[in-house]
Amino acid sequence: MTGGATAGGVWLREHLLDLGSALSTGDRAVVVRAWADPVRLREPVEVGRREVFLVAVGGTPGLAAAPGFGAVLDAFTAAGWSARRHGPEADVATASRDAFTVRVHGGEGILTFTGWTPVVFTDRELRQPHCTRTTAEAVLCHECEGWGVCLDCEGTARAPEGVRRRCRCVSSNAGPGRCGTCLGTGAVPAEALASLRRRHGTTTAPRPRTVEADAASHLEALITVAHLACPCGEFRALWRTTLTREPGGPFSTFTATCKGCAALRTHTFALPA
């Protein structure tokens, strides 16, 4: 598949930048990182891809703090998005508009949007998969690549013509046409990846906080974290951030679940007092 952003990707990126900048009185939103999730069927070759953008606003010393989370959701609603908060007091929300989705995270002094496009296919048009590597609730299923269906029959439960009438998936515990590994969800839970984490020395258990480095700002720390990979090699993660003020601080701490091995990732940076 050729590189470069699609029309939908360009629209989403610019829209998130405009939304973020409008929410700040003294800062401009920035693209922290942009990437693509490849989509495959049975073969290694891509059949499509989804574009993902991590946009942040705030986190710069001397400028206004990020707006209240309620104001952020109101701005998304006014812009035509349907926004759902993950609990009455949660600082996480999901916004959707047409086939576009944004995960909104509010942290003290910084606000992040992780937005993704629908999958754009290269050849024949297919239905959208349940998830891709970034958007999977846990880790993308290695068997069905996020489709949630048996890839031998592409969910039809019919075997290829001339072989046999019914696909072998009809006897699966997941049911006819569904992926037997993820049971149709497109993702596998963390507990199913324990051996992978042992191989890479990662864990789902919290570890004592260790300050890794200094950062000039909350935003600089986020940019650094977004470009770090897990020991398993995967960089994708939906980061949440906290800012704590204590002796030797303040400190900027980022936590996320790795999209490659489901390990708990934590990175802490010391900020200027």
Protein backbone atom coordinates (compact mmCIF):
# COMPACT_ATOMS: atom_id res chain seq x y z
CA MET A 1 0.00 0.00 0.00
CA THR A 2 1.36 3.42 -0.85
CA GLY A 3 2.45 5.72 1.95
CA GLY A 4 1.07 9.11 2.90
CA ALA A 5 -2.11 10.18 4.58
CA THR A 6 -5.46 9.56 2.94
CA ALA A 7 -8.08 12.30 2.58
CA GLY A 8 -9.77 10.97 5.72
CA GLY A 9 -6.47 10.96 7.58
CA VAL A 10 -5.70 14.54 6.59
CA TRP A 11 -9.18 15.64 7.67
CA LEU A 12 -8.94 13.91 11.05
CA ARG A 13 -5.47 15.24 11.82
CA GLU A 14 -6.38 18.84 10.96
CA HIS A 15 -9.73 18.60 12.75
CA LEU A 16 -8.10 17.39 15.97
CA LEU A 17 -5.45 20.09 15.76
CA ASP A 18 -8.14 22.76 15.30
CA LEU A 19 -10.22 21.40 18.17
CA GLY A 20 -7.24 21.23 20.51
CA SER A 21 -5.98 24.70 19.63
CA ALA A 22 -9.45 26.20 20.09
CA LEU A 23 -9.63 24.72 23.58
CA SER A 24 -6.39 26.39 24.69
CA THR A 25 -5.95 30.09 25.38
CA GLY A 26 -2.20 30.14 24.92
CA ASP A 27 -0.99 26.96 23.28
CA ARG A 28 -1.25 25.23 19.93
CA ALA A 29 -2.14 21.57 19.62
CA VAL A 30 0.62 19.41 18.18
CA VAL A 31 0.80 15.98 16.55
CA VAL A 32 2.87 13.93 18.98
CA ARG A 33 3.02 10.89 16.73
CA ALA A 34 1.23 9.52 13.65
CA TRP A 35 1.25 5.89 12.53
CA ALA A 36 -0.71 3.29 10.61
CA ASP A 37 -2.19 -0.06 11.62
CA PRO A 38 -1.78 -2.57 8.79
CA VAL A 39 -4.72 -4.89 8.11
CA ARG A 40 -4.22 -8.38 6.68
CA LEU A 41 -6.21 -11.49 5.84
CA ARG A 42 -4.47 -14.84 5.40
CA GLU A 43 -1.35 -13.56 3.65
CA PRO A 44 1.39 -11.22 4.97
CA VAL A 45 0.50 -8.61 2.34
CA GLU A 46 -1.67 -5.73 3.55
CA VAL A 47 -5.25 -5.46 2.34
CA GLY A 48 -5.75 -2.09 3.99
CA ARG A 49 -4.67 0.17 6.80
CA ARG A 50 -5.98 2.50 9.45
CA GLU A 51 -4.34 5.85 10.21
CA VAL A 52 -3.86 6.89 13.84
CA PHE A 53 -2.89 10.28 15.28
CA LEU A 54 -1.87 11.22 18.80
CA VAL A 55 -2.54 14.94 19.32
CA ALA A 56 -1.81 16.89 22.51
CA VAL A 57 -2.50 20.37 23.81
CA GLY A 58 -1.12 21.94 26.97
CA GLY A 59 1.77 20.72 29.06
CA THR A 60 3.98 23.72 28.33
CA PRO A 61 5.32 25.77 31.28
CA GLY A 62 4.01 29.32 31.58
CA LEU A 63 0.86 28.74 29.54
CA ALA A 64 -2.71 28.14 30.59
CA ALA A 65 -3.66 24.73 31.90
CA ALA A 66 -5.70 22.37 29.79
CA PRO A 67 -9.46 23.11 29.93
CA GLY A 68 -11.88 21.21 32.14
CA PHE A 69 -12.92 17.82 30.83
CA GLY A 70 -16.57 18.81 30.58
CA ALA A 71 -15.65 21.73 28.33
CA VAL A 72 -13.66 19.39 26.13
CA LEU A 73 -16.62 17.05 25.63
CA ASP A 74 -18.89 20.03 24.95
CA ALA A 75 -16.47 21.16 22.22
CA PHE A 76 -16.56 17.74 20.58
CA THR A 77 -20.38 17.70 20.71
CA ALA A 78 -20.58 21.18 19.18
CA ALA A 79 -18.28 19.98 16.37
CA GLY A 80 -20.67 17.15 15.47
CA TRP A 81 -19.19 14.30 17.50
CA SER A 82 -21.05 11.94 19.80
CA ALA A 83 -19.02 11.82 23.03
CA ARG A 84 -19.35 9.23 25.81
CA ARG A 85 -17.56 9.67 29.12
CA HIS A 86 -16.22 6.47 30.74
CA GLY A 87 -17.90 7.13 34.08
CA PRO A 88 -19.26 10.24 35.84
CA GLU A 89 -15.87 11.38 37.16
CA ALA A 90 -13.64 9.71 34.57
CA ASP A 91 -11.07 11.73 32.65
CA VAL A 92 -11.43 9.41 29.65
CA ALA A 93 -14.06 9.58 26.91
CA THR A 94 -14.69 8.15 23.46
CA ALA A 95 -16.02 10.35 20.67
CA SER A 96 -17.33 9.12 17.34
CA ARG A 97 -18.35 10.82 14.12
CA ASP A 98 -19.30 8.81 11.06
CA ALA A 99 -16.59 6.10 10.91
CA PHE A 100 -13.98 8.12 12.85
CA THR A 101 -13.19 7.55 16.54
CA VAL A 102 -11.22 9.56 19.11
CA ARG A 103 -10.13 8.49 22.60
CA VAL A 104 -9.92 11.61 24.76
CA HIS A 105 -7.68 11.65 27.86
CA GLY A 106 -7.59 14.55 30.29
CA GLY A 107 -4.63 14.90 32.61
CA GLU A 108 -3.54 17.77 34.83
CA GLY A 109 -2.12 20.43 32.53
CA ILE A 110 -2.35 18.34 29.35
CA LEU A 111 -5.04 16.94 27.10
CA THR A 112 -4.56 14.18 24.51
CA PHE A 113 -6.63 12.92 21.59
CA THR A 114 -5.86 9.55 20.00
CA GLY A 115 -7.91 9.50 16.82
CA TRP A 116 -8.23 6.85 14.13
CA THR A 117 -9.77 6.58 10.70
CA PRO A 118 -11.80 3.70 9.32
CA VAL A 119 -9.71 1.09 7.53
CA VAL A 120 -9.13 2.01 3.89
CA PHE A 121 -8.79 -1.06 1.66
CA THR A 122 -6.44 -1.36 -1.28
CA ASP A 123 -8.31 -3.75 -3.56
CA ARG A 124 -11.74 -5.19 -2.86
CA GLU A 125 -13.94 -3.46 -0.33
CA LEU A 126 -14.36 -5.43 2.88
CA ARG A 127 -16.34 -4.85 6.03
CA GLN A 128 -14.49 -3.08 8.82
CA PRO A 129 -12.60 -5.45 11.18
CA HIS A 130 -13.58 -5.54 14.85
CA CYS A 131 -10.29 -3.86 15.71
CA THR A 132 -6.73 -3.20 14.61
CA ARG A 133 -3.56 -3.27 16.71
CA THR A 134 -4.05 0.19 18.25
CA THR A 135 -7.79 -0.05 18.80
CA ALA A 136 -7.97 -3.59 20.27
CA GLU A 137 -9.13 -3.57 23.88
CA ALA A 138 -6.32 -5.99 24.74
CA VAL A 139 -3.93 -7.42 22.11
CA LEU A 140 -4.84 -8.09 18.50
CA CYS A 141 -5.65 -11.75 17.84
CA HIS A 142 -2.78 -13.36 15.88
CA GLU A 143 -5.15 -15.90 14.33
CA CYS A 144 -7.78 -13.62 12.77
CA GLU A 145 -5.85 -10.30 12.72
CA GLY A 146 -8.72 -8.50 14.43
CA TRP A 147 -11.51 -9.63 12.10
CA GLY A 148 -13.11 -11.90 14.68
CA VAL A 149 -13.99 -14.45 12.01
CA CYS A 150 -12.47 -17.63 10.63
CA LEU A 151 -10.16 -16.46 7.84
CA ASP A 152 -10.40 -19.78 5.97
CA CYS A 153 -14.02 -19.02 5.08
CA GLU A 154 -14.03 -15.27 5.89
CA GLY A 155 -16.90 -15.81 8.28
CA THR A 156 -19.24 -17.59 5.89
CA ALA A 157 -18.78 -21.10 7.41
CA ARG A 158 -18.60 -22.37 3.83
CA ALA A 159 -15.45 -24.13 2.68
CA PRO A 160 -13.72 -23.12 -0.56
CA GLU A 161 -15.58 -24.48 -3.55
CA GLY A 162 -14.53 -27.98 -4.51
CA VAL A 163 -13.02 -28.86 -1.12
CA ARG A 164 -15.95 -29.54 1.18
CA ARG A 165 -19.29 -27.94 1.81
CA ARG A 166 -18.71 -26.68 5.33
CA CYS A 167 -15.64 -25.03 6.84
CA ARG A 168 -13.88 -26.67 9.76
CA CYS A 169 -14.87 -23.70 11.93
CA VAL A 170 -18.40 -25.08 12.26
CA SER A 171 -17.09 -27.39 14.99
CA SER A 172 -15.26 -24.59 16.83
CA ASN A 173 -16.26 -23.59 20.34
CA ALA A 174 -16.73 -20.07 19.01
CA GLY A 175 -19.44 -21.15 16.58
CA PRO A 176 -19.64 -21.29 12.76
CA GLY A 177 -17.73 -18.55 10.99
CA ARG A 178 -16.10 -17.16 14.12
CA CYS A 179 -12.43 -17.19 15.14
CA GLY A 180 -11.79 -19.99 17.61
CA THR A 181 -8.84 -18.21 19.26
CA CYS A 182 -10.49 -14.93 20.25
CA LEU A 183 -14.09 -16.24 20.15
CA GLY A 184 -15.06 -13.56 17.70
CA THR A 185 -13.79 -10.50 19.58
CA GLY A 186 -10.72 -9.84 17.44
CA ALA A 187 -8.47 -9.57 20.52
CA VAL A 188 -6.96 -11.87 23.13
CA PRO A 189 -6.88 -11.05 26.87
CA ALA A 190 -3.73 -10.33 28.86
CA GLU A 191 -3.81 -13.66 30.69
CA ALA A 192 -3.42 -15.51 27.39
CA LEU A 193 -0.05 -13.83 26.75
CA ALA A 194 1.84 -14.75 29.92
CA SER A 195 4.46 -16.80 28.06
CA LEU A 196 5.12 -13.92 25.65
CA ARG A 197 5.69 -11.53 28.56
CA ARG A 198 8.06 -13.98 30.26
CA ARG A 199 10.05 -14.16 27.06
CA HIS A 200 10.47 -10.36 27.00
CA GLY A 201 10.76 -9.83 30.74
CA THR A 202 7.60 -7.72 30.94
CA THR A 203 4.72 -7.95 33.40
CA THR A 204 1.17 -6.79 34.06
CA ALA A 205 2.05 -6.02 37.70
CA PRO A 206 2.79 -2.44 38.81
CA ARG A 207 6.46 -1.74 39.43
CA PRO A 208 8.04 0.76 41.84
CA ARG A 209 8.22 4.18 40.27
CA THR A 210 11.63 5.04 38.86
CA VAL A 211 12.45 8.47 37.45
CA GLU A 212 14.00 7.74 34.07
CA ALA A 213 15.04 11.20 32.92
CA ASP A 214 14.40 14.94 33.15
CA ALA A 215 12.05 16.64 30.73
CA ALA A 216 11.66 20.36 30.04
CA SER A 217 7.86 20.06 30.06
CA HIS A 218 4.93 17.69 30.42
CA LEU A 219 4.53 17.83 26.62
CA GLU A 220 8.19 17.00 25.99
CA ALA A 221 7.84 13.98 28.27
CA LEU A 222 4.80 12.77 26.33
CA ILE A 223 6.62 13.13 23.01
CA THR A 224 9.50 11.05 24.42
CA VAL A 225 7.17 8.34 25.75
CA ALA A 226 5.22 8.11 22.50
CA HIS A 227 8.43 7.16 20.68
CA LEU A 228 9.57 4.51 23.15
CA ALA A 229 8.97 0.83 22.42
CA CYS A 230 8.11 -1.92 24.88
CA PRO A 231 10.78 -4.64 25.30
CA CYS A 232 8.53 -6.80 23.10
CA GLY A 233 9.15 -4.31 20.27
CA GLU A 234 5.67 -2.72 20.15
CA PHE A 235 5.31 1.05 20.56
CA ARG A 236 1.51 1.28 20.34
CA ALA A 237 -0.27 2.20 23.57
CA LEU A 238 -3.05 4.53 24.72
CA TRP A 239 -1.20 6.61 27.30
CA ARG A 240 -2.70 8.15 30.42
CA THR A 241 -0.82 10.80 32.32
CA THR A 242 -0.63 12.11 35.87
CA LEU A 243 1.26 15.10 37.22
CA THR A 244 2.35 14.88 40.85
CA ARG A 245 3.96 17.56 43.01
CA GLU A 246 6.18 16.22 45.77
CA PRO A 247 9.74 16.64 47.08
CA GLY A 248 12.17 16.40 44.19
CA GLY A 249 9.36 17.00 41.69
CA PRO A 250 7.07 17.73 40.05
CA PHE A 251 6.90 14.41 38.20
CA SER A 252 5.12 13.44 35.01
CA THR A 253 4.08 9.77 34.95
CA PHE A 254 2.63 7.91 31.95
CA THR A 255 0.92 4.53 32.11
CA ALA A 256 -0.52 2.30 29.40
CA THR A 257 -1.07 -1.30 28.42
CA CYS A 258 1.24 -2.50 25.66
CA LYS A 259 -0.62 -3.45 22.48
CA GLY A 260 1.93 -6.17 21.74
CA CYS A 261 2.15 -8.19 24.96
CA ALA A 262 -0.41 -6.56 27.32
CA ALA A 263 2.32 -5.58 29.80
CA LEU A 264 1.79 -2.58 32.05
CA ARG A 265 4.12 0.17 30.88
CA THR A 266 5.07 3.05 33.18
CA HIS A 267 7.46 5.93 32.53
CA THR A 268 8.21 8.81 34.92
CA PHE A 269 10.04 12.07 34.21
CA ALA A 270 11.19 14.85 36.50
CA LEU A 271 9.93 18.30 35.44
CA PRO A 272 11.29 21.76 36.28
CA ALA A 273 10.10 22.99 39.68
